[in-house]
């Protein structure tokens, strides 16, 4: 009885997966960096700058800590992290964007 219950549970979990519609890439809407929206316009995929934000924030924090050599160095670390994050995000967003 236990094996039958396990088999039914496994079958009930696989049946919903069998009827999932094809993804948008298989339907021809999305090809790489461009896709067509529901109104037929071509849209471009752009970077959102998250990688540059993280890397710039870490590098800025290290640079700010090295520059601020007096006291607890918290102010230099925070200001460096904020400036580095903003600069890194803008560099990452502007780099490599080309849509045709």
PDB file of N, CA and C in Angstrom:
ATOM      1  N   UNK A   1       0.815  -1.188   0.000  1.00  0.00           N
ATOM      2  CA  UNK A   1       0.000   0.000   0.000  1.00  0.00           C
ATOM      3  C   UNK A   1       0.870   1.270   0.000  1.00  0.00           C
ATOM      4  N   UNK A   2       1.994   1.178   0.703  1.00  0.00           N
ATOM      5  CA  UNK A   2       2.881   2.324   0.803  1.00  0.00           C
ATOM      6  C   UNK A   2       3.491   2.664  -0.557  1.00  0.00           C
ATOM      7  N   UNK A   3       3.866   1.645  -1.325  1.00  0.00           N
ATOM      8  CA  UNK A   3       4.447   1.870  -2.640  1.00  0.00           C
ATOM      9  C   UNK A   3       3.431   2.471  -3.603  1.00  0.00           C
ATOM     10  N   UNK A   4       2.182   2.075  -3.484  1.00  0.00           N
ATOM     11  CA  UNK A   4       1.133   2.622  -4.334  1.00  0.00           C
ATOM     12  C   UNK A   4       0.918   4.106  -4.014  1.00  0.00           C
ATOM     13  N   UNK A   5       0.931   4.444  -2.747  1.00  0.00           N
ATOM     14  CA  UNK A   5       0.749   5.834  -2.343  1.00  0.00           C
ATOM     15  C   UNK A   5       1.910   6.693  -2.837  1.00  0.00           C
ATOM     16  N   UNK A   6       3.133   6.177  -2.737  1.00  0.00           N
ATOM     17  CA  UNK A   6       4.291   6.907  -3.233  1.00  0.00           C
ATOM     18  C   UNK A   6       4.246   7.073  -4.750  1.00  0.00           C
ATOM     19  N   UNK A   7       3.805   6.048  -5.456  1.00  0.00           N
ATOM     20  CA  UNK A   7       3.694   6.129  -6.914  1.00  0.00           C
ATOM     21  C   UNK A   7       2.632   7.146  -7.326  1.00  0.00           C
ATOM     22  N   UNK A   8       1.517   7.181  -6.622  1.00  0.00           N
ATOM     23  CA  UNK A   8       0.477   8.164  -6.920  1.00  0.00           C
ATOM     24  C   UNK A   8       0.947   9.586  -6.617  1.00  0.00           C
ATOM     25  N   UNK A   9       1.690   9.740  -5.538  1.00  0.00           N
ATOM     26  CA  UNK A   9       2.208  11.063  -5.203  1.00  0.00           C
ATOM     27  C   UNK A   9       3.196  11.533  -6.259  1.00  0.00           C
ATOM     28  N   UNK A  10       4.069  10.649  -6.720  1.00  0.00           N
ATOM     29  CA  UNK A  10       5.031  11.017  -7.755  1.00  0.00           C
ATOM     30  C   UNK A  10       4.324  11.337  -9.067  1.00  0.00           C
ATOM     31  N   UNK A  11       3.314  10.569  -9.415  1.00  0.00           N
ATOM     32  CA  UNK A  11       2.573  10.818 -10.651  1.00  0.00           C
ATOM     33  C   UNK A  11       1.801  12.134 -10.570  1.00  0.00           C
ATOM     34  N   UNK A  12       1.268  12.447  -9.402  1.00  0.00           N
ATOM     35  CA  UNK A  12       0.514  13.697  -9.283  1.00  0.00           C
ATOM     36  C   UNK A  12       1.428  14.919  -9.356  1.00  0.00           C
ATOM     37  N   UNK A  13       2.700  14.761  -9.026  1.00  0.00           N
ATOM     38  CA  UNK A  13       3.639  15.885  -9.126  1.00  0.00           C
ATOM     39  C   UNK A  13       4.175  16.041 -10.538  1.00  0.00           C
ATOM     40  N   UNK A  14       4.217  14.985 -11.328  1.00  0.00           N
ATOM     41  CA  UNK A  14       4.755  15.091 -12.679  1.00  0.00           C
ATOM     42  C   UNK A  14       3.699  15.479 -13.710  1.00  0.00           C
ATOM     43  N   UNK A  15       2.445  15.226 -13.465  1.00  0.00           N
ATOM     44  CA  UNK A  15       1.409  15.557 -14.429  1.00  0.00           C
ATOM     45  C   UNK A  15       1.263  17.054 -14.677  1.00  0.00           C
ATOM     46  N   UNK A  16       1.285  17.913 -13.661  1.00  0.00           N
ATOM     47  CA  UNK A  16       1.174  19.345 -13.958  1.00  0.00           C
ATOM     48  C   UNK A  16       2.342  19.875 -14.790  1.00  0.00           C
ATOM     49  N   UNK A  17       3.505  19.280 -14.670  1.00  0.00           N
ATOM     50  CA  UNK A  17       4.666  19.724 -15.440  1.00  0.00           C
ATOM     51  C   UNK A  17       4.505  19.368 -16.911  1.00  0.00           C
ATOM     52  N   UNK A  18       3.796  18.311 -17.208  1.00  0.00           N
ATOM     53  CA  UNK A  18       3.642  17.864 -18.586  1.00  0.00           C
ATOM     54  C   UNK A  18       2.800  18.830 -19.419  1.00  0.00           C
ATOM     55  N   UNK A  19       1.962  19.643 -18.783  1.00  0.00           N
ATOM     56  CA  UNK A  19       1.062  20.518 -19.512  1.00  0.00           C
ATOM     57  C   UNK A  19       1.452  21.991 -19.455  1.00  0.00           C
ATOM     58  N   UNK A  20       2.692  22.266 -19.104  1.00  0.00           N
ATOM     59  CA  UNK A  20       3.173  23.653 -19.048  1.00  0.00           C
ATOM     60  C   UNK A  20       3.375  24.157 -20.468  1.00  0.00           C
ATOM     61  N   UNK A  21       2.873  25.341 -20.813  1.00  0.00           N
ATOM     62  CA  UNK A  21       3.071  25.866 -22.166  1.00  0.00           C
ATOM     63  C   UNK A  21       4.549  26.169 -22.429  1.00  0.00           C
ATOM     64  N   UNK A  22       4.886  26.259 -23.697  1.00  0.00           N
ATOM     65  CA  UNK A  22       6.269  26.527 -24.082  1.00  0.00           C
ATOM     66  C   UNK A  22       6.676  27.919 -23.625  1.00  0.00           C
ATOM     67  N   UNK A  23       7.958  28.102 -23.255  1.00  0.00           N
ATOM     68  CA  UNK A  23       8.406  29.432 -22.835  1.00  0.00           C
ATOM     69  C   UNK A  23       8.373  30.424 -23.985  1.00  0.00           C
ATOM     70  N   UNK A  24       8.477  31.693 -23.645  1.00  0.00           N
ATOM     71  CA  UNK A  24       8.385  32.748 -24.654  1.00  0.00           C
ATOM     72  C   UNK A  24       9.502  32.639 -25.683  1.00  0.00           C
ATOM     73  N   UNK A  25      10.678  32.132 -25.273  1.00  0.00           N
ATOM     74  CA  UNK A  25      11.771  32.020 -26.233  1.00  0.00           C
ATOM     75  C   UNK A  25      11.457  30.989 -27.317  1.00  0.00           C
ATOM     76  N   UNK A  26      10.698  29.968 -26.978  1.00  0.00           N
ATOM     77  CA  UNK A  26      10.334  28.973 -27.973  1.00  0.00           C
ATOM     78  C   UNK A  26       9.226  29.483 -28.892  1.00  0.00           C
ATOM     79  N   UNK A  27       8.471  30.482 -28.454  1.00  0.00           N
ATOM     80  CA  UNK A  27       7.393  31.025 -29.257  1.00  0.00           C
ATOM     81  C   UNK A  27       7.867  32.124 -30.205  1.00  0.00           C
ATOM     82  N   UNK A  28       9.141  32.492 -30.126  1.00  0.00           N
ATOM     83  CA  UNK A  28       9.683  33.466 -31.047  1.00  0.00           C
ATOM     84  C   UNK A  28       9.618  34.905 -30.575  1.00  0.00           C
ATOM     85  N   UNK A  29       9.236  35.150 -29.328  1.00  0.00           N
ATOM     86  CA  UNK A  29       9.154  36.516 -28.844  1.00  0.00           C
ATOM     87  C   UNK A  29      10.500  37.039 -28.372  1.00  0.00           C
ATOM     88  N   UNK A  30      11.343  36.188 -27.851  1.00  0.00           N
ATOM     89  CA  UNK A  30      12.592  36.635 -27.249  1.00  0.00           C
ATOM     90  C   UNK A  30      13.773  35.983 -27.949  1.00  0.00           C
ATOM     91  N   UNK A  31      14.655  36.804 -28.510  1.00  0.00           N
ATOM     92  CA  UNK A  31      15.875  36.294 -29.132  1.00  0.00           C
ATOM     93  C   UNK A  31      17.045  37.126 -28.644  1.00  0.00           C
ATOM     94  N   UNK A  32      17.746  36.671 -27.636  1.00  0.00           N
ATOM     95  CA  UNK A  32      18.935  37.358 -27.161  1.00  0.00           C
ATOM     96  C   UNK A  32      18.638  38.661 -26.464  1.00  0.00           C
ATOM     97  N   UNK A  33      19.169  39.773 -26.987  1.00  0.00           N
ATOM     98  CA  UNK A  33      19.047  41.061 -26.323  1.00  0.00           C
ATOM     99  C   UNK A  33      17.809  41.847 -26.744  1.00  0.00           C
ATOM    100  N   UNK A  34      17.044  41.370 -27.691  1.00  0.00           N
ATOM    101  CA  UNK A  34      15.829  42.075 -28.099  1.00  0.00           C
ATOM    102  C   UNK A  34      14.636  41.128 -28.037  1.00  0.00           C
ATOM    103  N   UNK A  35      13.467  41.688 -27.867  1.00  0.00           N
ATOM    104  CA  UNK A  35      12.235  40.909 -27.904  1.00  0.00           C
ATOM    105  C   UNK A  35      11.093  41.814 -28.335  1.00  0.00           C
ATOM    106  N   UNK A  36       9.999  41.214 -28.690  1.00  0.00           N
ATOM    107  CA  UNK A  36       8.810  41.968 -29.083  1.00  0.00           C
ATOM    108  C   UNK A  36       7.809  41.913 -27.935  1.00  0.00           C
ATOM    109  N   UNK A  37       7.278  43.080 -27.607  1.00  0.00           N
ATOM    110  CA  UNK A  37       6.292  43.125 -26.533  1.00  0.00           C
ATOM    111  C   UNK A  37       4.911  42.776 -27.076  1.00  0.00           C
ATOM    112  N   UNK A  38       3.904  42.889 -26.242  1.00  0.00           N
ATOM    113  CA  UNK A  38       2.555  42.484 -26.636  1.00  0.00           C
ATOM    114  C   UNK A  38       1.964  43.389 -27.710  1.00  0.00           C
ATOM    115  N   UNK A  39       2.531  44.586 -27.909  1.00  0.00           N
ATOM    116  CA  UNK A  39       2.025  45.503 -28.920  1.00  0.00           C
ATOM    117  C   UNK A  39       2.863  45.494 -30.189  1.00  0.00           C
ATOM    118  N   UNK A  40       3.807  44.575 -30.290  1.00  0.00           N
ATOM    119  CA  UNK A  40       4.595  44.420 -31.497  1.00  0.00           C
ATOM    120  C   UNK A  40       5.832  45.294 -31.589  1.00  0.00           C
ATOM    121  N   UNK A  41       6.143  46.073 -30.546  1.00  0.00           N
ATOM    122  CA  UNK A  41       7.320  46.926 -30.561  1.00  0.00           C
ATOM    123  C   UNK A  41       8.552  46.131 -30.146  1.00  0.00           C
ATOM    124  N   UNK A  42       9.697  46.459 -30.733  1.00  0.00           N
ATOM    125  CA  UNK A  42      10.950  45.800 -30.377  1.00  0.00           C
ATOM    126  C   UNK A  42      11.526  46.470 -29.144  1.00  0.00           C
ATOM    127  N   UNK A  43      11.858  45.673 -28.146  1.00  0.00           N
ATOM    128  CA  UNK A  43      12.428  46.173 -26.899  1.00  0.00           C
ATOM    129  C   UNK A  43      13.850  45.667 -26.769  1.00  0.00           C
ATOM    130  N   UNK A  44      14.674  46.423 -26.060  1.00  0.00           N
ATOM    131  CA  UNK A  44      16.073  46.063 -25.857  1.00  0.00           C
ATOM    132  C   UNK A  44      16.308  45.681 -24.401  1.00  0.00           C
ATOM    133  N   UNK A  45      17.191  44.728 -24.215  1.00  0.00           N
ATOM    134  CA  UNK A  45      17.574  44.322 -22.878  1.00  0.00           C
ATOM    135  C   UNK A  45      18.795  45.129 -22.473  1.00  0.00           C
ATOM    136  N   UNK A  46      18.702  45.822 -21.359  1.00  0.00           N
ATOM    137  CA  UNK A  46      19.788  46.661 -20.879  1.00  0.00           C
ATOM    138  C   UNK A  46      20.295  46.151 -19.544  1.00  0.00           C
ATOM    139  N   UNK A  47      21.538  46.474 -19.263  1.00  0.00           N
ATOM    140  CA  UNK A  47      22.093  46.134 -17.961  1.00  0.00           C
ATOM    141  C   UNK A  47      21.482  47.044 -16.913  1.00  0.00           C
ATOM    142  N   UNK A  48      21.262  46.512 -15.707  1.00  0.00           N
ATOM    143  CA  UNK A  48      20.689  47.333 -14.652  1.00  0.00           C
ATOM    144  C   UNK A  48      21.736  47.911 -13.714  1.00  0.00           C
ATOM    145  N   UNK A  49      23.000  47.528 -13.848  1.00  0.00           N
ATOM    146  CA  UNK A  49      24.077  48.127 -13.078  1.00  0.00           C
ATOM    147  C   UNK A  49      24.318  47.526 -11.718  1.00  0.00           C
ATOM    148  N   UNK A  50      23.722  46.389 -11.418  1.00  0.00           N
ATOM    149  CA  UNK A  50      23.882  45.793 -10.095  1.00  0.00           C
ATOM    150  C   UNK A  50      25.311  45.329  -9.849  1.00  0.00           C
ATOM    151  N   UNK A  51      25.939  44.725 -10.835  1.00  0.00           N
ATOM    152  CA  UNK A  51      27.308  44.252 -10.670  1.00  0.00           C
ATOM    153  C   UNK A  51      28.251  45.422 -10.418  1.00  0.00           C
ATOM    154  N   UNK A  52      28.109  46.475 -11.192  1.00  0.00           N
ATOM    155  CA  UNK A  52      28.941  47.654 -10.989  1.00  0.00           C
ATOM    156  C   UNK A  52      28.703  48.296  -9.638  1.00  0.00           C
ATOM    157  N   UNK A  53      27.467  48.265  -9.166  1.00  0.00           N
ATOM    158  CA  UNK A  53      27.136  48.820  -7.864  1.00  0.00           C
ATOM    159  C   UNK A  53      27.870  48.077  -6.760  1.00  0.00           C
ATOM    160  N   UNK A  54      27.852  46.749  -6.812  1.00  0.00           N
ATOM    161  CA  UNK A  54      28.499  45.953  -5.775  1.00  0.00           C
ATOM    162  C   UNK A  54      30.017  46.072  -5.820  1.00  0.00           C
ATOM    163  N   UNK A  55      30.581  45.951  -7.015  1.00  0.00           N
ATOM    164  CA  UNK A  55      32.038  46.019  -7.137  1.00  0.00           C
ATOM    165  C   UNK A  55      32.529  47.425  -6.804  1.00  0.00           C
ATOM    166  N   UNK A  56      31.838  48.440  -7.293  1.00  0.00           N
ATOM    167  CA  UNK A  56      32.221  49.820  -7.000  1.00  0.00           C
ATOM    168  C   UNK A  56      32.097  50.148  -5.527  1.00  0.00           C
ATOM    169  N   UNK A  57      31.073  49.640  -4.884  1.00  0.00           N
ATOM    170  CA  UNK A  57      30.905  49.879  -3.450  1.00  0.00           C
ATOM    171  C   UNK A  57      32.020  49.258  -2.630  1.00  0.00           C
ATOM    172  N   UNK A  58      32.406  48.035  -2.978  1.00  0.00           N
ATOM    173  CA  UNK A  58      33.489  47.371  -2.252  1.00  0.00           C
ATOM    174  C   UNK A  58      34.824  48.077  -2.489  1.00  0.00           C
ATOM    175  N   UNK A  59      35.099  48.418  -3.747  1.00  0.00           N
ATOM    176  CA  UNK A  59      36.353  49.098  -4.052  1.00  0.00           C
ATOM    177  C   UNK A  59      36.386  50.488  -3.423  1.00  0.00           C
ATOM    178  N   UNK A  60      35.274  51.194  -3.450  1.00  0.00           N
ATOM    179  CA  UNK A  60      35.209  52.517  -2.839  1.00  0.00           C
ATOM    180  C   UNK A  60      35.378  52.470  -1.328  1.00  0.00           C
ATOM    181  N   UNK A  61      34.824  51.444  -0.700  1.00  0.00           N
ATOM    182  CA  UNK A  61      34.986  51.306   0.748  1.00  0.00           C
ATOM    183  C   UNK A  61      36.452  51.069   1.112  1.00  0.00           C
ATOM    184  N   UNK A  62      37.123  50.237   0.340  1.00  0.00           N
ATOM    185  CA  UNK A  62      38.542  49.989   0.610  1.00  0.00           C
ATOM    186  C   UNK A  62      39.379  51.239   0.359  1.00  0.00           C
ATOM    187  N   UNK A  63      39.081  51.955  -0.709  1.00  0.00           N
ATOM    188  CA  UNK A  63      39.824  53.181  -1.007  1.00  0.00           C
ATOM    189  C   UNK A  63      39.539  54.254   0.042  1.00  0.00           C
ATOM    190  N   UNK A  64      38.296  54.405   0.460  1.00  0.00           N
ATOM    191  CA  UNK A  64      37.948  55.387   1.479  1.00  0.00           C
ATOM    192  C   UNK A  64      38.581  55.086   2.815  1.00  0.00           C
ATOM    193  N   UNK A  65      38.687  53.819   3.140  1.00  0.00           N
ATOM    194  CA  UNK A  65      39.334  53.428   4.397  1.00  0.00           C
ATOM    195  C   UNK A  65      40.822  53.716   4.359  1.00  0.00           C
ATOM    196  N   UNK A  66      41.437  53.516   3.193  1.00  0.00           N
ATOM    197  CA  UNK A  66      42.872  53.779   3.065  1.00  0.00           C
ATOM    198  C   UNK A  66      43.167  55.276   3.089  1.00  0.00           C
ATOM    199  N   UNK A  67      42.277  56.073   2.515  1.00  0.00           N
ATOM    200  CA  UNK A  67      42.505  57.522   2.470  1.00  0.00           C
ATOM    201  C   UNK A  67      42.282  58.158   3.841  1.00  0.00           C
ATOM    202  N   UNK A  68      41.238  57.765   4.540  1.00  0.00           N
ATOM    203  CA  UNK A  68      40.934  58.327   5.857  1.00  0.00           C
ATOM    204  C   UNK A  68      41.770  57.593   6.906  1.00  0.00           C
ATOM    205  N   UNK A  69      42.864  58.210   7.312  1.00  0.00           N
ATOM    206  CA  UNK A  69      43.787  57.516   8.211  1.00  0.00           C
ATOM    207  C   UNK A  69      43.646  57.946   9.661  1.00  0.00           C
ATOM    208  N   UNK A  70      42.744  58.848   9.985  1.00  0.00           N
ATOM    209  CA  UNK A  70      42.595  59.310  11.364  1.00  0.00           C
ATOM    210  C   UNK A  70      41.335  58.728  12.001  1.00  0.00           C
ATOM    211  N   UNK A  71      41.380  58.525  13.280  1.00  0.00           N
ATOM    212  CA  UNK A  71      40.203  58.113  14.038  1.00  0.00           C
ATOM    213  C   UNK A  71      39.739  56.702  13.700  1.00  0.00           C
ATOM    214  N   UNK A  72      38.423  56.522  13.676  1.00  0.00           N
ATOM    215  CA  UNK A  72      37.859  55.188  13.470  1.00  0.00           C
ATOM    216  C   UNK A  72      37.728  54.814  11.998  1.00  0.00           C
ATOM    217  N   UNK A  73      37.919  55.754  11.092  1.00  0.00           N
ATOM    218  CA  UNK A  73      37.880  55.550   9.639  1.00  0.00           C
ATOM    219  C   UNK A  73      36.497  55.149   9.111  1.00  0.00           C
ATOM    220  N   UNK A  74      35.476  55.257   9.915  1.00  0.00           N
ATOM    221  CA  UNK A  74      34.131  54.892   9.480  1.00  0.00           C
ATOM    222  C   UNK A  74      33.605  55.862   8.427  1.00  0.00           C
ATOM    223  N   UNK A  75      33.857  57.147   8.639  1.00  0.00           N
ATOM    224  CA  UNK A  75      33.364  58.148   7.699  1.00  0.00           C
ATOM    225  C   UNK A  75      33.961  57.956   6.312  1.00  0.00           C
ATOM    226  N   UNK A  76      35.251  57.737   6.239  1.00  0.00           N
ATOM    227  CA  UNK A  76      35.908  57.514   4.950  1.00  0.00           C
ATOM    228  C   UNK A  76      35.422  56.258   4.267  1.00  0.00           C
ATOM    229  N   UNK A  77      35.188  55.222   5.055  1.00  0.00           N
ATOM    230  CA  UNK A  77      34.701  53.966   4.487  1.00  0.00           C
ATOM    231  C   UNK A  77      33.304  54.137   3.906  1.00  0.00           C
ATOM    232  N   UNK A  78      32.421  54.798   4.643  1.00  0.00           N
ATOM    233  CA  UNK A  78      31.044  54.979   4.166  1.00  0.00           C
ATOM    234  C   UNK A  78      30.972  55.901   2.961  1.00  0.00           C
ATOM    235  N   UNK A  79      31.714  57.006   3.001  1.00  0.00           N
ATOM    236  CA  UNK A  79      31.706  57.918   1.857  1.00  0.00           C
ATOM    237  C   UNK A  79      32.329  57.270   0.625  1.00  0.00           C
ATOM    238  N   UNK A  80      33.403  56.532   0.820  1.00  0.00           N
ATOM    239  CA  UNK A  80      34.034  55.832  -0.302  1.00  0.00           C
ATOM    240  C   UNK A  80      33.125  54.769  -0.899  1.00  0.00           C
ATOM    241  N   UNK A  81      32.410  54.049  -0.037  1.00  0.00           N
ATOM    242  CA  UNK A  81      31.488  53.017  -0.530  1.00  0.00           C
ATOM    243  C   UNK A  81      30.339  53.636  -1.319  1.00  0.00           C
ATOM    244  N   UNK A  82      29.804  54.738  -0.824  1.00  0.00           N
ATOM    245  CA  UNK A  82      28.690  55.392  -1.531  1.00  0.00           C
ATOM    246  C   UNK A  82      29.146  55.940  -2.879  1.00  0.00           C
ATOM    247  N   UNK A  83      30.280  56.618  -2.889  1.00  0.00           N
ATOM    248  CA  UNK A  83      30.776  57.182  -4.150  1.00  0.00           C
ATOM    249  C   UNK A  83      31.151  56.076  -5.127  1.00  0.00           C
ATOM    250  N   UNK A  84      31.811  55.035  -4.643  1.00  0.00           N
ATOM    251  CA  UNK A  84      32.194  53.924  -5.517  1.00  0.00           C
ATOM    252  C   UNK A  84      30.997  53.185  -6.081  1.00  0.00           C
ATOM    253  N   UNK A  85      29.946  53.027  -5.273  1.00  0.00           N
ATOM    254  CA  UNK A  85      28.743  52.342  -5.748  1.00  0.00           C
ATOM    255  C   UNK A  85      28.050  53.138  -6.850  1.00  0.00           C
ATOM    256  N   UNK A  86      27.948  54.449  -6.671  1.00  0.00           N
ATOM    257  CA  UNK A  86      27.308  55.276  -7.701  1.00  0.00           C
ATOM    258  C   UNK A  86      28.120  55.296  -8.995  1.00  0.00           C
ATOM    259  N   UNK A  87      29.419  55.443  -8.869  1.00  0.00           N
ATOM    260  CA  UNK A  87      30.273  55.467 -10.063  1.00  0.00           C
ATOM    261  C   UNK A  87      30.261  54.107 -10.758  1.00  0.00           C
ATOM    262  N   UNK A  88      30.363  53.031  -9.990  1.00  0.00           N
ATOM    263  CA  UNK A  88      30.356  51.691 -10.574  1.00  0.00           C
ATOM    264  C   UNK A  88      29.051  51.363 -11.271  1.00  0.00           C
ATOM    265  N   UNK A  89      27.938  51.802 -10.712  1.00  0.00           N
ATOM    266  CA  UNK A  89      26.635  51.557 -11.337  1.00  0.00           C
ATOM    267  C   UNK A  89      26.517  52.284 -12.672  1.00  0.00           C
ATOM    268  N   UNK A  90      26.947  53.539 -12.702  1.00  0.00           N
ATOM    269  CA  UNK A  90      26.865  54.299 -13.950  1.00  0.00           C
ATOM    270  C   UNK A  90      27.785  53.725 -15.025  1.00  0.00           C
ATOM    271  N   UNK A  91      28.952  53.278 -14.632  1.00  0.00           N
ATOM    272  CA  UNK A  91      29.865  52.677 -15.608  1.00  0.00           C
ATOM    273  C   UNK A  91      29.276  51.380 -16.155  1.00  0.00           C
ATOM    274  N   UNK A  92      28.714  50.555 -15.270  1.00  0.00           N
ATOM    275  CA  UNK A  92      28.153  49.278 -15.711  1.00  0.00           C
ATOM    276  C   UNK A  92      26.933  49.482 -16.604  1.00  0.00           C
ATOM    277  N   UNK A  93      26.089  50.457 -16.309  1.00  0.00           N
ATOM    278  CA  UNK A  93      24.905  50.694 -17.130  1.00  0.00           C
ATOM    279  C   UNK A  93      25.251  51.245 -18.507  1.00  0.00           C
ATOM    280  N   UNK A  94      26.284  52.073 -18.589  1.00  0.00           N
ATOM    281  CA  UNK A  94      26.601  52.713 -19.853  1.00  0.00           C
ATOM    282  C   UNK A  94      27.493  51.864 -20.751  1.00  0.00           C
ATOM    283  N   UNK A  95      28.132  50.862 -20.194  1.00  0.00           N
ATOM    284  CA  UNK A  95      29.081  50.064 -20.952  1.00  0.00           C
ATOM    285  C   UNK A  95      28.382  48.955 -21.749  1.00  0.00           C
ATOM    286  N   UNK A  96      28.688  48.861 -22.999  1.00  0.00           N
ATOM    287  CA  UNK A  96      28.262  47.731 -23.798  1.00  0.00           C
ATOM    288  C   UNK A  96      26.811  47.740 -24.255  1.00  0.00           C
ATOM    289  N   UNK A  97      26.125  48.853 -24.213  1.00  0.00           N
ATOM    290  CA  UNK A  97      24.741  48.863 -24.657  1.00  0.00           C
ATOM    291  C   UNK A  97      24.671  49.144 -26.158  1.00  0.00           C
ATOM    292  N   UNK A  98      24.075  48.223 -26.852  1.00  0.00           N
ATOM    293  CA  UNK A  98      23.903  48.383 -28.283  1.00  0.00           C
ATOM    294  C   UNK A  98      22.716  47.531 -28.707  1.00  0.00           C
ATOM    295  N   UNK A  99      21.690  48.152 -29.204  1.00  0.00           N
ATOM    296  CA  UNK A  99      20.496  47.420 -29.589  1.00  0.00           C
ATOM    297  C   UNK A  99      20.148  47.766 -31.019  1.00  0.00           C
ATOM    298  N   UNK A 100      19.857  46.757 -31.773  1.00  0.00           N
ATOM    299  CA  UNK A 100      19.488  46.968 -33.178  1.00  0.00           C
ATOM    300  C   UNK A 100      18.162  46.352 -33.466  1.00  0.00           C
TER     301      UNK A 100
END
